Amino acid sequence: VLGVSADSLESHQKFADKYGLPYPLLADTDTTVSQLYGVWKEKNYAGKKYIGVNRETFLIDKDGIVRKVWPKVQAAEHAQEVLETVDSLHL
């Protein structure tokens, strides 16, 4: 499990410490990875348009094949859904 966002390493460390995350968070500060995965997009908030990262999850198997994508992730129940998918795909 890896987390990736455009935030800095320092920001990631604070976030991981705050939420007790047991996996690494990677800093994509130049948005290369975000652009390659198609999640660096135009967004709207409070009537204003801007470019930012859409929160999405990619389930990638050991061979590097994307097995499932969850767009517009809602964090509350998402982890359980991902784990159930991993089990159902026998990954």
N, C-alpha and C. Protein backbone atom coordinates (compact mmCIF):
# COMPACT_ATOMS: atom_id res chain seq x y z
N VAL A 1 0.85 -1.17 0.00
CA VAL A 1 0.00 0.00 0.00
C VAL A 1 0.89 1.23 0.00
N LEU A 2 0.57 2.15 -0.90
CA LEU A 2 1.27 3.44 -0.98
C LEU A 2 0.23 4.54 -1.11
N GLY A 3 0.53 5.67 -0.54
CA GLY A 3 -0.28 6.86 -0.76
C GLY A 3 0.54 7.84 -1.57
N VAL A 4 -0.08 8.51 -2.51
CA VAL A 4 0.62 9.48 -3.35
C VAL A 4 -0.21 10.76 -3.41
N SER A 5 0.46 11.89 -3.23
CA SER A 5 -0.21 13.18 -3.45
C SER A 5 0.85 14.22 -3.78
N ALA A 6 0.40 15.39 -4.18
CA ALA A 6 1.31 16.47 -4.55
C ALA A 6 1.86 17.22 -3.34
N ASP A 7 1.49 16.81 -2.15
CA ASP A 7 1.98 17.47 -0.94
C ASP A 7 3.45 17.13 -0.69
N SER A 8 4.09 17.92 0.15
CA SER A 8 5.51 17.75 0.46
C SER A 8 5.73 16.55 1.40
N LEU A 9 6.98 16.11 1.49
CA LEU A 9 7.33 15.03 2.42
C LEU A 9 7.00 15.42 3.85
N GLU A 10 7.27 16.68 4.20
CA GLU A 10 6.98 17.16 5.55
C GLU A 10 5.48 17.08 5.84
N SER A 11 4.68 17.48 4.90
CA SER A 11 3.22 17.41 5.04
C SER A 11 2.77 15.97 5.20
N HIS A 12 3.35 15.08 4.40
CA HIS A 12 3.00 13.65 4.49
C HIS A 12 3.34 13.08 5.85
N GLN A 13 4.51 13.46 6.39
CA GLN A 13 4.92 12.94 7.69
C GLN A 13 3.94 13.37 8.77
N LYS A 14 3.53 14.63 8.75
CA LYS A 14 2.56 15.11 9.73
C LYS A 14 1.23 14.38 9.60
N PHE A 15 0.78 14.17 8.36
CA PHE A 15 -0.48 13.48 8.10
C PHE A 15 -0.40 12.03 8.60
N ALA A 16 0.70 11.34 8.27
CA ALA A 16 0.88 9.95 8.68
C ALA A 16 0.93 9.83 10.20
N ASP A 17 1.62 10.76 10.85
CA ASP A 17 1.70 10.74 12.31
C ASP A 17 0.32 10.99 12.93
N LYS A 18 -0.40 11.95 12.39
CA LYS A 18 -1.72 12.31 12.93
C LYS A 18 -2.70 11.15 12.85
N TYR A 19 -2.67 10.41 11.72
CA TYR A 19 -3.65 9.34 11.51
C TYR A 19 -3.08 7.94 11.72
N GLY A 20 -1.82 7.84 12.12
CA GLY A 20 -1.21 6.55 12.39
C GLY A 20 -1.15 5.64 11.18
N LEU A 21 -0.83 6.19 10.03
CA LEU A 21 -0.81 5.39 8.80
C LEU A 21 0.38 4.43 8.81
N PRO A 22 0.13 3.16 8.52
CA PRO A 22 1.20 2.15 8.56
C PRO A 22 1.87 1.93 7.20
N TYR A 23 1.67 2.82 6.25
CA TYR A 23 2.25 2.66 4.92
C TYR A 23 2.87 3.97 4.46
N PRO A 24 3.79 3.89 3.50
CA PRO A 24 4.48 5.10 3.04
C PRO A 24 3.59 6.02 2.21
N LEU A 25 3.86 7.31 2.33
CA LEU A 25 3.21 8.33 1.51
C LEU A 25 4.28 8.95 0.62
N LEU A 26 4.04 8.94 -0.66
CA LEU A 26 5.00 9.46 -1.62
C LEU A 26 4.63 10.87 -2.05
N ALA A 27 5.63 11.74 -2.13
CA ALA A 27 5.42 13.14 -2.50
C ALA A 27 5.60 13.30 -4.01
N ASP A 28 4.52 13.57 -4.69
CA ASP A 28 4.52 13.81 -6.14
C ASP A 28 4.44 15.32 -6.37
N THR A 29 5.43 16.04 -5.84
CA THR A 29 5.36 17.50 -5.83
C THR A 29 5.40 18.13 -7.22
N ASP A 30 5.92 17.42 -8.21
CA ASP A 30 5.90 17.96 -9.58
C ASP A 30 4.72 17.41 -10.38
N THR A 31 3.87 16.63 -9.76
CA THR A 31 2.63 16.04 -10.31
C THR A 31 2.85 15.07 -11.46
N THR A 32 4.06 14.56 -11.64
CA THR A 32 4.34 13.62 -12.72
C THR A 32 3.46 12.37 -12.61
N VAL A 33 3.44 11.77 -11.44
CA VAL A 33 2.65 10.54 -11.23
C VAL A 33 1.16 10.84 -11.37
N SER A 34 0.72 11.94 -10.79
CA SER A 34 -0.69 12.32 -10.87
C SER A 34 -1.13 12.50 -12.32
N GLN A 35 -0.28 13.11 -13.13
CA GLN A 35 -0.61 13.30 -14.53
C GLN A 35 -0.63 11.96 -15.28
N LEU A 36 0.34 11.09 -14.99
CA LEU A 36 0.39 9.78 -15.66
C LEU A 36 -0.85 8.94 -15.36
N TYR A 37 -1.36 9.05 -14.14
CA TYR A 37 -2.55 8.29 -13.76
C TYR A 37 -3.85 9.03 -14.06
N GLY A 38 -3.75 10.22 -14.63
CA GLY A 38 -4.93 10.96 -15.05
C GLY A 38 -5.76 11.55 -13.94
N VAL A 39 -5.14 11.82 -12.79
CA VAL A 39 -5.88 12.38 -11.67
C VAL A 39 -5.59 13.87 -11.44
N TRP A 40 -4.71 14.46 -12.23
CA TRP A 40 -4.43 15.89 -12.17
C TRP A 40 -5.41 16.56 -13.12
N LYS A 41 -6.48 17.14 -12.55
CA LYS A 41 -7.61 17.57 -13.36
C LYS A 41 -8.12 18.94 -12.94
N GLU A 42 -8.93 19.52 -13.82
CA GLU A 42 -9.63 20.75 -13.46
C GLU A 42 -10.72 20.40 -12.46
N LYS A 43 -10.82 21.21 -11.42
CA LYS A 43 -11.82 20.99 -10.38
C LYS A 43 -12.58 22.28 -10.15
N ASN A 44 -13.72 22.17 -9.51
CA ASN A 44 -14.53 23.33 -9.16
C ASN A 44 -14.80 23.31 -7.66
N TYR A 45 -14.65 24.46 -7.03
CA TYR A 45 -14.98 24.58 -5.62
C TYR A 45 -15.46 26.01 -5.36
N ALA A 46 -16.61 26.12 -4.80
CA ALA A 46 -17.21 27.43 -4.47
C ALA A 46 -17.26 28.34 -5.70
N GLY A 47 -17.58 27.73 -6.84
CA GLY A 47 -17.72 28.50 -8.07
C GLY A 47 -16.42 28.88 -8.75
N LYS A 48 -15.29 28.39 -8.22
CA LYS A 48 -13.99 28.72 -8.82
C LYS A 48 -13.37 27.46 -9.40
N LYS A 49 -12.75 27.60 -10.56
CA LYS A 49 -12.06 26.49 -11.21
C LYS A 49 -10.57 26.55 -10.87
N TYR A 50 -10.00 25.37 -10.68
CA TYR A 50 -8.56 25.27 -10.42
C TYR A 50 -8.11 23.88 -10.83
N ILE A 51 -6.80 23.69 -10.91
CA ILE A 51 -6.24 22.38 -11.24
C ILE A 51 -5.75 21.74 -9.95
N GLY A 52 -6.10 20.47 -9.75
CA GLY A 52 -5.69 19.76 -8.55
C GLY A 52 -5.84 18.26 -8.73
N VAL A 53 -5.54 17.54 -7.68
CA VAL A 53 -5.59 16.08 -7.71
C VAL A 53 -6.97 15.60 -7.29
N ASN A 54 -7.57 14.74 -8.10
CA ASN A 54 -8.80 14.04 -7.70
C ASN A 54 -8.39 12.88 -6.82
N ARG A 55 -9.09 12.69 -5.72
CA ARG A 55 -8.78 11.58 -4.82
C ARG A 55 -9.35 10.30 -5.43
N GLU A 56 -8.45 9.43 -5.85
CA GLU A 56 -8.83 8.15 -6.46
C GLU A 56 -7.94 7.06 -5.92
N THR A 57 -8.41 5.82 -6.01
CA THR A 57 -7.62 4.66 -5.60
C THR A 57 -7.42 3.75 -6.79
N PHE A 58 -6.18 3.28 -6.94
CA PHE A 58 -5.84 2.32 -7.99
C PHE A 58 -5.35 1.06 -7.31
N LEU A 59 -5.98 -0.06 -7.62
CA LEU A 59 -5.54 -1.36 -7.12
C LEU A 59 -4.64 -1.96 -8.19
N ILE A 60 -3.35 -2.07 -7.87
CA ILE A 60 -2.35 -2.53 -8.83
C ILE A 60 -1.77 -3.84 -8.31
N ASP A 61 -1.78 -4.87 -9.15
CA ASP A 61 -1.29 -6.17 -8.70
C ASP A 61 0.24 -6.23 -8.74
N LYS A 62 0.80 -7.36 -8.31
CA LYS A 62 2.25 -7.50 -8.20
C LYS A 62 2.95 -7.40 -9.54
N ASP A 63 2.21 -7.60 -10.65
CA ASP A 63 2.80 -7.49 -11.98
C ASP A 63 2.64 -6.09 -12.57
N GLY A 64 2.10 -5.16 -11.79
CA GLY A 64 1.94 -3.79 -12.24
C GLY A 64 0.69 -3.53 -13.05
N ILE A 65 -0.25 -4.48 -13.04
CA ILE A 65 -1.49 -4.33 -13.79
C ILE A 65 -2.55 -3.67 -12.90
N VAL A 66 -3.16 -2.61 -13.41
CA VAL A 66 -4.24 -1.95 -12.67
C VAL A 66 -5.46 -2.85 -12.74
N ARG A 67 -5.88 -3.35 -11.59
CA ARG A 67 -7.00 -4.29 -11.53
C ARG A 67 -8.33 -3.61 -11.27
N LYS A 68 -8.31 -2.46 -10.59
CA LYS A 68 -9.56 -1.72 -10.33
C LYS A 68 -9.21 -0.28 -9.99
N VAL A 69 -10.13 0.61 -10.37
CA VAL A 69 -9.99 2.03 -10.06
C VAL A 69 -11.25 2.50 -9.36
N TRP A 70 -11.07 3.23 -8.27
CA TRP A 70 -12.19 3.85 -7.56
C TRP A 70 -12.06 5.36 -7.73
N PRO A 71 -12.89 5.97 -8.57
CA PRO A 71 -12.86 7.43 -8.70
C PRO A 71 -13.67 8.08 -7.57
N LYS A 72 -13.34 9.30 -7.25
CA LYS A 72 -14.08 10.09 -6.26
C LYS A 72 -14.26 9.32 -4.95
N VAL A 73 -13.17 8.94 -4.35
CA VAL A 73 -13.16 8.13 -3.13
C VAL A 73 -13.78 8.88 -1.95
N GLN A 74 -14.62 8.18 -1.22
CA GLN A 74 -15.16 8.65 0.06
C GLN A 74 -14.46 7.83 1.14
N ALA A 75 -13.67 8.49 1.95
CA ALA A 75 -12.76 7.80 2.87
C ALA A 75 -13.43 6.93 3.92
N ALA A 76 -14.63 7.25 4.36
CA ALA A 76 -15.24 6.57 5.51
C ALA A 76 -15.27 5.05 5.40
N GLU A 77 -15.73 4.51 4.29
CA GLU A 77 -15.86 3.06 4.16
C GLU A 77 -14.96 2.49 3.07
N HIS A 78 -14.11 3.32 2.53
CA HIS A 78 -13.34 2.93 1.36
C HIS A 78 -12.34 1.79 1.63
N ALA A 79 -11.64 1.85 2.74
CA ALA A 79 -10.63 0.82 3.04
C ALA A 79 -11.25 -0.57 3.05
N GLN A 80 -12.42 -0.72 3.66
CA GLN A 80 -13.07 -2.02 3.71
C GLN A 80 -13.43 -2.51 2.31
N GLU A 81 -13.91 -1.61 1.46
CA GLU A 81 -14.25 -1.97 0.09
C GLU A 81 -13.03 -2.45 -0.69
N VAL A 82 -11.91 -1.76 -0.50
CA VAL A 82 -10.67 -2.16 -1.18
C VAL A 82 -10.23 -3.54 -0.70
N LEU A 83 -10.25 -3.76 0.60
CA LEU A 83 -9.85 -5.07 1.14
C LEU A 83 -10.74 -6.19 0.63
N GLU A 84 -12.03 -5.95 0.54
CA GLU A 84 -12.95 -6.96 0.00
C GLU A 84 -12.64 -7.25 -1.46
N THR A 85 -12.28 -6.24 -2.22
CA THR A 85 -11.92 -6.44 -3.63
C THR A 85 -10.63 -7.23 -3.75
N VAL A 86 -9.65 -6.91 -2.92
CA VAL A 86 -8.39 -7.66 -2.92
C VAL A 86 -8.67 -9.13 -2.65
N ASP A 87 -9.51 -9.41 -1.66
CA ASP A 87 -9.87 -10.80 -1.35
C ASP A 87 -10.59 -11.47 -2.52
N SER A 88 -11.55 -10.77 -3.12
CA SER A 88 -12.34 -11.38 -4.20
C SER A 88 -11.50 -11.64 -5.45
N LEU A 89 -10.46 -10.84 -5.66
CA LEU A 89 -9.57 -11.04 -6.82
C LEU A 89 -8.40 -11.96 -6.49
N HIS A 90 -8.33 -12.40 -5.23
CA HIS A 90 -7.26 -13.29 -4.76
C HIS A 90 -5.88 -12.67 -4.99
N LEU A 91 -5.75 -11.41 -4.63
CA LEU A 91 -4.47 -10.71 -4.78
C LEU A 91 -3.66 -10.77 -3.51
